[in-house]
């Protein structure tokens, strides 16, 4: 039987400790990338949204005169 290693999740075999370390690094990188690109930024929610209304020149069809 493999020697058990004390990790932050308890006593585990060495393979599980390595897998936990890989998952921790992956999760940390995902969080860093998400924060870097503003995924959790609340500024985007305060920007006004412009929608085309009926009389503001966004009609694509030409009216014949």
Protein backbone atom coordinates (compact mmCIF):
# COMPACT_ATOMS: atom_id res chain seq x y z
CA UNK A 1 0.00 0.00 0.00
CA UNK A 2 1.22 3.51 -0.84
CA UNK A 3 2.37 5.76 1.95
CA UNK A 4 -0.33 8.24 2.94
CA UNK A 5 0.57 11.94 2.76
CA UNK A 6 -1.00 14.67 4.89
CA UNK A 7 -2.56 17.31 2.64
CA UNK A 8 -5.02 20.12 3.22
CA UNK A 9 -7.81 17.66 2.45
CA UNK A 10 -6.63 14.98 4.91
CA UNK A 11 -4.45 11.89 4.47
CA UNK A 12 -4.28 10.80 0.85
CA UNK A 13 -2.13 8.64 -1.46
CA UNK A 14 0.54 10.55 -3.44
CA UNK A 15 -1.45 10.26 -6.71
CA UNK A 16 -4.44 12.02 -5.18
CA UNK A 17 -2.24 14.77 -3.74
CA UNK A 18 -0.82 15.43 -7.20
CA UNK A 19 -4.30 15.43 -8.74
CA UNK A 20 -5.54 17.87 -6.08
CA UNK A 21 -2.58 20.16 -6.75
CA UNK A 22 -3.31 20.12 -10.50
CA UNK A 23 -6.99 20.92 -9.91
CA UNK A 24 -6.11 23.72 -7.49
CA UNK A 25 -3.75 25.30 -10.03
CA UNK A 26 -6.36 24.94 -12.80
CA UNK A 27 -9.07 26.56 -10.65
CA UNK A 28 -6.75 29.39 -9.57
CA UNK A 29 -5.86 30.08 -13.22
CA UNK A 30 -9.53 30.10 -14.26
CA UNK A 31 -10.39 32.59 -11.52
CA UNK A 32 -7.41 34.79 -12.46
CA UNK A 33 -8.37 34.81 -16.14
CA UNK A 34 -12.01 35.57 -15.35
CA UNK A 35 -11.06 38.50 -13.12
CA UNK A 36 -8.58 39.76 -15.70
CA UNK A 37 -11.24 39.95 -18.41
CA UNK A 38 -13.87 41.58 -16.20
CA UNK A 39 -16.32 38.71 -16.01
CA UNK A 40 -17.33 39.68 -12.50
CA UNK A 41 -17.14 43.44 -13.10
CA UNK A 42 -20.29 45.36 -12.19
CA UNK A 43 -19.39 48.33 -14.42
CA UNK A 44 -20.86 46.57 -17.45
CA UNK A 45 -24.30 46.54 -15.83
CA UNK A 46 -24.42 50.34 -15.51
CA UNK A 47 -23.74 51.09 -19.18
CA UNK A 48 -26.82 52.22 -21.10
CA UNK A 49 -28.25 49.90 -23.71
CA UNK A 50 -29.16 51.53 -26.99
CA UNK A 51 -32.06 49.99 -28.84
CA UNK A 52 -33.44 50.94 -32.22
CA UNK A 53 -36.79 52.61 -31.89
CA UNK A 54 -39.27 53.35 -34.66
CA UNK A 55 -38.27 56.88 -35.70
CA UNK A 56 -34.53 57.15 -35.12
CA UNK A 57 -33.14 56.29 -38.57
CA UNK A 58 -32.37 52.60 -38.08
CA UNK A 59 -34.82 51.46 -40.78
CA UNK A 60 -33.09 49.40 -43.42
CA UNK A 61 -35.92 49.47 -45.95
CA UNK A 62 -35.99 52.37 -48.37
CA UNK A 63 -39.12 54.38 -48.67
CA UNK A 64 -39.95 55.38 -52.23
CA UNK A 65 -40.74 59.07 -52.77
